[in-house]
């Protein structure tokens, strides 16, 4: 079940959202100021955040910026400020949607479900294992927010293994899937590519994942943290 974090300082509004979200089979958590919001965000890793702009202490724009510095968790901005410039500020700042008060609670649920569907579709194209980020569509790899340059073949190998985490593949299977069945070179090409990938990912903490050799079986991208 997906968890929605509601960040809203007005208790009646927060409670209404909580009731409707729970009826829609979501788990919910509530925060009533910016400091509490980031604490619960880190504790719960919610699937989506409903974020009010006007909060005591740290405001919604600051919270959105902090979230975006860490990851791309979907965020729906919620505010009484209906001016188009505020909407543009939210969307340009990385918000996934924007809802002005007063709102219809059922519409909010529909927006939440729509944003989550888009997010789920995008997640199929992006693999994140701890600090390792692999964007399959754009062929971009970064580690701890630092881009990593790979050869096209090494990139293809990493993408294939990232699409099948914790699965073991023999050299022949990797050659078939990555190099192609017409490849007539040495199977040492796989070993060399794995060696280069390990070097490129040497700062990836072993607590998050590693490219593992299973003697007599093959290789696998072992991941421990998503």
C-alpha atoms as a PDB file:
ATOM      1  CA  UNK A   1       0.000   0.000   0.000  1.00  0.00           C
ATOM      2  CA  UNK A   2       1.345   3.422  -0.944  1.00  0.00           C
ATOM      3  CA  UNK A   3       1.898   6.099   1.669  1.00  0.00           C
ATOM      4  CA  UNK A   4       0.874   9.722   1.120  1.00  0.00           C
ATOM      5  CA  UNK A   5       2.452  12.390   3.296  1.00  0.00           C
ATOM      6  CA  UNK A   6       0.055  15.305   3.918  1.00  0.00           C
ATOM      7  CA  UNK A   7       1.886  18.520   4.813  1.00  0.00           C
ATOM      8  CA  UNK A   8      -0.818  21.005   5.826  1.00  0.00           C
ATOM      9  CA  UNK A   9      -0.932  23.212   8.909  1.00  0.00           C
ATOM     10  CA  UNK A  10      -4.733  23.561   8.986  1.00  0.00           C
ATOM     11  CA  UNK A  11      -5.975  20.506  10.892  1.00  0.00           C
ATOM     12  CA  UNK A  12      -9.510  20.375   9.354  1.00  0.00           C
ATOM     13  CA  UNK A  13      -8.094  20.359   5.813  1.00  0.00           C
ATOM     14  CA  UNK A  14      -5.472  17.784   6.736  1.00  0.00           C
ATOM     15  CA  UNK A  15      -8.117  15.545   8.302  1.00  0.00           C
ATOM     16  CA  UNK A  16     -10.402  15.745   5.270  1.00  0.00           C
ATOM     17  CA  UNK A  17      -7.523  14.738   2.991  1.00  0.00           C
ATOM     18  CA  UNK A  18      -6.578  11.917   5.351  1.00  0.00           C
ATOM     19  CA  UNK A  19     -10.109  10.483   5.385  1.00  0.00           C
ATOM     20  CA  UNK A  20     -10.517  10.580   1.595  1.00  0.00           C
ATOM     21  CA  UNK A  21      -7.052   9.138   0.950  1.00  0.00           C
ATOM     22  CA  UNK A  22      -7.668   6.276   3.365  1.00  0.00           C
ATOM     23  CA  UNK A  23     -11.000   5.559   1.648  1.00  0.00           C
ATOM     24  CA  UNK A  24      -8.994   5.300  -1.578  1.00  0.00           C
ATOM     25  CA  UNK A  25      -6.788   2.662   0.081  1.00  0.00           C
ATOM     26  CA  UNK A  26      -3.727   4.808   0.758  1.00  0.00           C
ATOM     27  CA  UNK A  27      -1.733   4.862   3.956  1.00  0.00           C
ATOM     28  CA  UNK A  28      -1.368   8.405   5.246  1.00  0.00           C
ATOM     29  CA  UNK A  29       0.937  10.426   7.447  1.00  0.00           C
ATOM     30  CA  UNK A  30       0.480  14.026   8.541  1.00  0.00           C
ATOM     31  CA  UNK A  31       2.900  16.875   9.170  1.00  0.00           C
ATOM     32  CA  UNK A  32       1.938  20.382  10.235  1.00  0.00           C
ATOM     33  CA  UNK A  33       5.150  22.356   9.693  1.00  0.00           C
ATOM     34  CA  UNK A  34       8.264  22.239   7.548  1.00  0.00           C
ATOM     35  CA  UNK A  35      10.608  20.637  10.067  1.00  0.00           C
ATOM     36  CA  UNK A  36       8.149  17.864  10.852  1.00  0.00           C
ATOM     37  CA  UNK A  37       7.533  17.378   7.123  1.00  0.00           C
ATOM     38  CA  UNK A  38      11.186  16.639   6.286  1.00  0.00           C
ATOM     39  CA  UNK A  39      11.576  14.407   9.329  1.00  0.00           C
ATOM     40  CA  UNK A  40       8.616  12.248   8.281  1.00  0.00           C
ATOM     41  CA  UNK A  41       9.720  12.368   4.644  1.00  0.00           C
ATOM     42  CA  UNK A  42      13.025  10.752   5.606  1.00  0.00           C
ATOM     43  CA  UNK A  43      11.432   8.295   8.020  1.00  0.00           C
ATOM     44  CA  UNK A  44       8.641   7.084   5.730  1.00  0.00           C
ATOM     45  CA  UNK A  45       9.901   7.533   2.139  1.00  0.00           C
ATOM     46  CA  UNK A  46       6.330   8.281   0.991  1.00  0.00           C
ATOM     47  CA  UNK A  47       5.075   7.520  -2.496  1.00  0.00           C
ATOM     48  CA  UNK A  48       3.731  11.073  -2.856  1.00  0.00           C
ATOM     49  CA  UNK A  49       3.640  14.327  -0.876  1.00  0.00           C
ATOM     50  CA  UNK A  50       0.690  16.727  -0.758  1.00  0.00           C
ATOM     51  CA  UNK A  51       2.435  19.962   0.190  1.00  0.00           C
ATOM     52  CA  UNK A  52       0.855  23.214   1.316  1.00  0.00           C
ATOM     53  CA  UNK A  53       2.781  26.348   0.360  1.00  0.00           C
ATOM     54  CA  UNK A  54       1.987  28.536   3.362  1.00  0.00           C
ATOM     55  CA  UNK A  55       3.404  26.752   6.408  1.00  0.00           C
ATOM     56  CA  UNK A  56       4.783  27.986   9.722  1.00  0.00           C
ATOM     57  CA  UNK A  57       8.561  28.134   9.689  1.00  0.00           C
ATOM     58  CA  UNK A  58       9.917  26.532   6.539  1.00  0.00           C
ATOM     59  CA  UNK A  59       7.518  27.122   3.641  1.00  0.00           C
ATOM     60  CA  UNK A  60       6.413  24.766   0.907  1.00  0.00           C
ATOM     61  CA  UNK A  61       8.839  26.125  -1.697  1.00  0.00           C
ATOM     62  CA  UNK A  62      11.786  25.383   0.604  1.00  0.00           C
ATOM     63  CA  UNK A  63      10.511  21.889   1.338  1.00  0.00           C
ATOM     64  CA  UNK A  64       9.992  21.190  -2.360  1.00  0.00           C
ATOM     65  CA  UNK A  65      13.564  22.304  -3.057  1.00  0.00           C
ATOM     66  CA  UNK A  66      14.922  20.006  -0.336  1.00  0.00           C
ATOM     67  CA  UNK A  67      12.940  17.051  -1.666  1.00  0.00           C
ATOM     68  CA  UNK A  68      14.142  17.652  -5.211  1.00  0.00           C
ATOM     69  CA  UNK A  69      17.750  17.803  -4.043  1.00  0.00           C
ATOM     70  CA  UNK A  70      17.318  14.251  -2.768  1.00  0.00           C
ATOM     71  CA  UNK A  71      14.999  12.476  -5.195  1.00  0.00           C
ATOM     72  CA  UNK A  72      12.024  12.751  -7.541  1.00  0.00           C
ATOM     73  CA  UNK A  73       9.218  11.706  -5.171  1.00  0.00           C
ATOM     74  CA  UNK A  74       5.977  13.109  -6.671  1.00  0.00           C
ATOM     75  CA  UNK A  75       4.785  16.334  -5.033  1.00  0.00           C
ATOM     76  CA  UNK A  76       1.387  18.016  -5.405  1.00  0.00           C
ATOM     77  CA  UNK A  77       1.387  21.639  -4.219  1.00  0.00           C
ATOM     78  CA  UNK A  78      -1.685  22.760  -2.290  1.00  0.00           C
ATOM     79  CA  UNK A  79      -2.360  26.427  -1.604  1.00  0.00           C
ATOM     80  CA  UNK A  80      -4.912  29.201  -1.428  1.00  0.00           C
ATOM     81  CA  UNK A  81      -2.747  31.234  -3.786  1.00  0.00           C
ATOM     82  CA  UNK A  82      -4.493  30.853  -7.117  1.00  0.00           C
ATOM     83  CA  UNK A  83      -2.388  33.277  -9.141  1.00  0.00           C
ATOM     84  CA  UNK A  84      -0.917  31.675 -12.273  1.00  0.00           C
ATOM     85  CA  UNK A  85       2.579  32.883 -11.319  1.00  0.00           C
ATOM     86  CA  UNK A  86       2.481  30.781  -8.169  1.00  0.00           C
ATOM     87  CA  UNK A  87       1.393  27.794 -10.186  1.00  0.00           C
ATOM     88  CA  UNK A  88       4.275  28.293 -12.606  1.00  0.00           C
ATOM     89  CA  UNK A  89       6.701  28.681  -9.701  1.00  0.00           C
ATOM     90  CA  UNK A  90       5.565  25.379  -8.253  1.00  0.00           C
ATOM     91  CA  UNK A  91       5.703  23.474 -11.519  1.00  0.00           C
ATOM     92  CA  UNK A  92       9.026  24.997 -12.543  1.00  0.00           C
ATOM     93  CA  UNK A  93      10.384  24.171  -9.104  1.00  0.00           C
ATOM     94  CA  UNK A  94       9.727  20.475  -9.660  1.00  0.00           C
ATOM     95  CA  UNK A  95       6.137  20.019  -8.465  1.00  0.00           C
ATOM     96  CA  UNK A  96       4.142  17.385 -10.328  1.00  0.00           C
ATOM     97  CA  UNK A  97       0.775  19.097  -9.960  1.00  0.00           C
ATOM     98  CA  UNK A  98      -0.816  22.129  -8.320  1.00  0.00           C
ATOM     99  CA  UNK A  99      -4.208  22.414  -6.629  1.00  0.00           C
ATOM    100  CA  UNK A 100      -5.697  25.701  -5.386  1.00  0.00           C
ATOM    101  CA  UNK A 101      -7.965  25.957  -2.342  1.00  0.00           C
ATOM    102  CA  UNK A 102     -10.853  25.590  -1.963  1.00  0.00           C
ATOM    103  CA  UNK A 103     -10.744  22.172  -3.571  1.00  0.00           C
ATOM    104  CA  UNK A 104     -12.942  19.139  -4.093  1.00  0.00           C
ATOM    105  CA  UNK A 105     -11.484  16.238  -2.110  1.00  0.00           C
ATOM    106  CA  UNK A 106     -12.479  13.690  -4.745  1.00  0.00           C
ATOM    107  CA  UNK A 107     -10.634  15.740  -7.363  1.00  0.00           C
ATOM    108  CA  UNK A 108      -7.533  15.674  -5.156  1.00  0.00           C
ATOM    109  CA  UNK A 109      -7.748  11.869  -5.024  1.00  0.00           C
ATOM    110  CA  UNK A 110      -8.058  11.725  -8.813  1.00  0.00           C
ATOM    111  CA  UNK A 111      -5.012  13.999  -9.162  1.00  0.00           C
ATOM    112  CA  UNK A 112      -3.040  11.851  -6.720  1.00  0.00           C
ATOM    113  CA  UNK A 113      -3.873   8.688  -8.649  1.00  0.00           C
ATOM    114  CA  UNK A 114      -2.976  10.318 -11.975  1.00  0.00           C
ATOM    115  CA  UNK A 115       0.381  11.586 -10.700  1.00  0.00           C
ATOM    116  CA  UNK A 116       1.200   8.173  -9.223  1.00  0.00           C
ATOM    117  CA  UNK A 117       0.371   6.463 -12.523  1.00  0.00           C
ATOM    118  CA  UNK A 118       2.750   8.799 -14.361  1.00  0.00           C
ATOM    119  CA  UNK A 119       5.389   8.223 -11.714  1.00  0.00           C
ATOM    120  CA  UNK A 120       5.036   4.440 -11.954  1.00  0.00           C
ATOM    121  CA  UNK A 121       5.420   4.605 -15.739  1.00  0.00           C
ATOM    122  CA  UNK A 122       8.532   6.762 -15.403  1.00  0.00           C
ATOM    123  CA  UNK A 123      10.001   4.422 -12.793  1.00  0.00           C
ATOM    124  CA  UNK A 124      10.044   1.681 -15.398  1.00  0.00           C
ATOM    125  CA  UNK A 125      12.509   3.827 -17.343  1.00  0.00           C
ATOM    126  CA  UNK A 126      14.611   4.809 -14.334  1.00  0.00           C
ATOM    127  CA  UNK A 127      16.470   2.445 -12.021  1.00  0.00           C
ATOM    128  CA  UNK A 128      17.667   3.757  -8.676  1.00  0.00           C
ATOM    129  CA  UNK A 129      19.731   1.634  -6.337  1.00  0.00           C
ATOM    130  CA  UNK A 130      20.932   3.783  -3.466  1.00  0.00           C
ATOM    131  CA  UNK A 131      23.072   6.504  -5.017  1.00  0.00           C
ATOM    132  CA  UNK A 132      23.205   4.763  -8.403  1.00  0.00           C
ATOM    133  CA  UNK A 133      20.803   6.319 -10.922  1.00  0.00           C
ATOM    134  CA  UNK A 134      20.289   4.775 -14.366  1.00  0.00           C
ATOM    135  CA  UNK A 135      17.978   6.527 -16.812  1.00  0.00           C
ATOM    136  CA  UNK A 136      17.306   3.893 -19.440  1.00  0.00           C
ATOM    137  CA  UNK A 137      15.530   6.220 -21.849  1.00  0.00           C
ATOM    138  CA  UNK A 138      18.190   8.955 -21.904  1.00  0.00           C
ATOM    139  CA  UNK A 139      21.105   6.534 -21.402  1.00  0.00           C
ATOM    140  CA  UNK A 140      22.370   8.545 -18.433  1.00  0.00           C
ATOM    141  CA  UNK A 141      24.154   7.058 -15.444  1.00  0.00           C
ATOM    142  CA  UNK A 142      25.087   8.932 -12.298  1.00  0.00           C
ATOM    143  CA  UNK A 143      26.457   7.941  -8.925  1.00  0.00           C
ATOM    144  CA  UNK A 144      25.765  10.184  -5.952  1.00  0.00           C
ATOM    145  CA  UNK A 145      24.559  12.848  -8.426  1.00  0.00           C
ATOM    146  CA  UNK A 146      27.836  12.747 -10.419  1.00  0.00           C
ATOM    147  CA  UNK A 147      27.487  11.689 -14.067  1.00  0.00           C
ATOM    148  CA  UNK A 148      29.458   8.632 -15.157  1.00  0.00           C
ATOM    149  CA  UNK A 149      30.731   8.297 -18.726  1.00  0.00           C
ATOM    150  CA  UNK A 150      30.601   4.764 -20.123  1.00  0.00           C
ATOM    151  CA  UNK A 151      31.250   3.266 -23.523  1.00  0.00           C
ATOM    152  CA  UNK A 152      28.064   2.331 -25.401  1.00  0.00           C
ATOM    153  CA  UNK A 153      28.728  -1.376 -24.829  1.00  0.00           C
ATOM    154  CA  UNK A 154      29.474  -0.991 -21.124  1.00  0.00           C
ATOM    155  CA  UNK A 155      26.368   1.152 -20.778  1.00  0.00           C
ATOM    156  CA  UNK A 156      24.247  -1.485 -22.515  1.00  0.00           C
ATOM    157  CA  UNK A 157      25.639  -4.136 -20.180  1.00  0.00           C
ATOM    158  CA  UNK A 158      24.901  -2.067 -17.079  1.00  0.00           C
ATOM    159  CA  UNK A 159      21.367  -1.271 -18.263  1.00  0.00           C
ATOM    160  CA  UNK A 160      20.653  -4.937 -18.966  1.00  0.00           C
ATOM    161  CA  UNK A 161      21.861  -5.993 -15.523  1.00  0.00           C
ATOM    162  CA  UNK A 162      19.985  -3.111 -13.873  1.00  0.00           C
ATOM    163  CA  UNK A 163      16.782  -4.282 -15.535  1.00  0.00           C
ATOM    164  CA  UNK A 164      17.346  -7.716 -13.983  1.00  0.00           C
ATOM    165  CA  UNK A 165      18.762  -7.015 -10.517  1.00  0.00           C
ATOM    166  CA  UNK A 166      19.872  -9.944  -8.353  1.00  0.00           C
ATOM    167  CA  UNK A 167      19.702 -12.315 -11.323  1.00  0.00           C
ATOM    168  CA  UNK A 168      22.775 -14.276 -12.389  1.00  0.00           C
ATOM    169  CA  UNK A 169      23.847 -14.441 -16.031  1.00  0.00           C
ATOM    170  CA  UNK A 170      26.558 -16.536 -17.627  1.00  0.00           C
ATOM    171  CA  UNK A 171      29.043 -14.981 -20.046  1.00  0.00           C
ATOM    172  CA  UNK A 172      27.189 -16.599 -22.953  1.00  0.00           C
ATOM    173  CA  UNK A 173      23.865 -15.146 -21.808  1.00  0.00           C
ATOM    174  CA  UNK A 174      25.341 -11.659 -21.479  1.00  0.00           C
ATOM    175  CA  UNK A 175      26.947 -11.921 -24.903  1.00  0.00           C
ATOM    176  CA  UNK A 176      23.622 -13.005 -26.387  1.00  0.00           C
ATOM    177  CA  UNK A 177      21.635 -10.185 -24.753  1.00  0.00           C
ATOM    178  CA  UNK A 178      24.179  -7.350 -24.962  1.00  0.00           C
ATOM    179  CA  UNK A 179      26.650  -8.122 -27.740  1.00  0.00           C
ATOM    180  CA  UNK A 180      24.189 -10.024 -29.942  1.00  0.00           C
ATOM    181  CA  UNK A 181      24.115 -13.577 -31.183  1.00  0.00           C
ATOM    182  CA  UNK A 182      26.257 -12.671 -34.206  1.00  0.00           C
ATOM    183  CA  UNK A 183      29.198 -11.709 -31.964  1.00  0.00           C
ATOM    184  CA  UNK A 184      32.188 -13.937 -32.723  1.00  0.00           C
ATOM    185  CA  UNK A 185      34.798 -12.432 -30.400  1.00  0.00           C
ATOM    186  CA  UNK A 186      36.208 -13.776 -27.147  1.00  0.00           C
ATOM    187  CA  UNK A 187      34.012 -14.195 -24.105  1.00  0.00           C
ATOM    188  CA  UNK A 188      36.777 -12.299 -22.290  1.00  0.00           C
ATOM    189  CA  UNK A 189      34.990  -9.204 -23.561  1.00  0.00           C
ATOM    190  CA  UNK A 190      32.410  -9.730 -20.818  1.00  0.00           C
ATOM    191  CA  UNK A 191      35.084  -9.976 -18.109  1.00  0.00           C
ATOM    192  CA  UNK A 192      36.771  -6.795 -19.325  1.00  0.00           C
ATOM    193  CA  UNK A 193      33.477  -4.903 -19.479  1.00  0.00           C
ATOM    194  CA  UNK A 194      32.617  -6.023 -15.944  1.00  0.00           C
ATOM    195  CA  UNK A 195      36.061  -4.874 -14.784  1.00  0.00           C
ATOM    196  CA  UNK A 196      35.518  -1.431 -16.328  1.00  0.00           C
ATOM    197  CA  UNK A 197      32.056  -1.131 -14.765  1.00  0.00           C
ATOM    198  CA  UNK A 198      33.407  -2.014 -11.335  1.00  0.00           C
ATOM    199  CA  UNK A 199      36.058   0.662 -11.701  1.00  0.00           C
ATOM    200  CA  UNK A 200      33.456   3.226 -12.794  1.00  0.00           C
ATOM    201  CA  UNK A 201      31.262   2.315  -9.801  1.00  0.00           C
ATOM    202  CA  UNK A 202      34.058   1.954  -7.257  1.00  0.00           C
ATOM    203  CA  UNK A 203      32.572   4.660  -5.020  1.00  0.00           C
ATOM    204  CA  UNK A 204      29.206   2.854  -4.875  1.00  0.00           C
ATOM    205  CA  UNK A 205      28.879   1.674  -1.250  1.00  0.00           C
ATOM    206  CA  UNK A 206      28.713  -2.107  -0.883  1.00  0.00           C
ATOM    207  CA  UNK A 207      25.804  -1.580   1.486  1.00  0.00           C
ATOM    208  CA  UNK A 208      23.774  -0.370  -1.538  1.00  0.00           C
ATOM    209  CA  UNK A 209      24.924  -2.828  -4.181  1.00  0.00           C
ATOM    210  CA  UNK A 210      27.749  -4.361  -6.203  1.00  0.00           C
ATOM    211  CA  UNK A 211      28.535  -6.277  -9.365  1.00  0.00           C
ATOM    212  CA  UNK A 212      29.100  -9.730  -7.986  1.00  0.00           C
ATOM    213  CA  UNK A 213      30.919 -12.705  -9.481  1.00  0.00           C
ATOM    214  CA  UNK A 214      29.376 -16.068  -8.642  1.00  0.00           C
ATOM    215  CA  UNK A 215      32.133 -18.559  -9.334  1.00  0.00           C
ATOM    216  CA  UNK A 216      31.112 -21.120 -11.911  1.00  0.00           C
ATOM    217  CA  UNK A 217      27.780 -19.372 -12.510  1.00  0.00           C
ATOM    218  CA  UNK A 218      28.336 -15.866 -13.857  1.00  0.00           C
ATOM    219  CA  UNK A 219      27.693 -12.266 -12.901  1.00  0.00           C
ATOM    220  CA  UNK A 220      24.869 -10.375 -11.265  1.00  0.00           C
ATOM    221  CA  UNK A 221      24.067  -6.810 -10.232  1.00  0.00           C
ATOM    222  CA  UNK A 222      23.327  -7.378  -6.563  1.00  0.00           C
ATOM    223  CA  UNK A 223      21.295  -4.532  -5.067  1.00  0.00           C
ATOM    224  CA  UNK A 224      20.492  -4.041  -1.407  1.00  0.00           C
ATOM    225  CA  UNK A 225      19.037  -0.526  -1.286  1.00  0.00           C
ATOM    226  CA  UNK A 226      16.477   1.092  -3.585  1.00  0.00           C
END
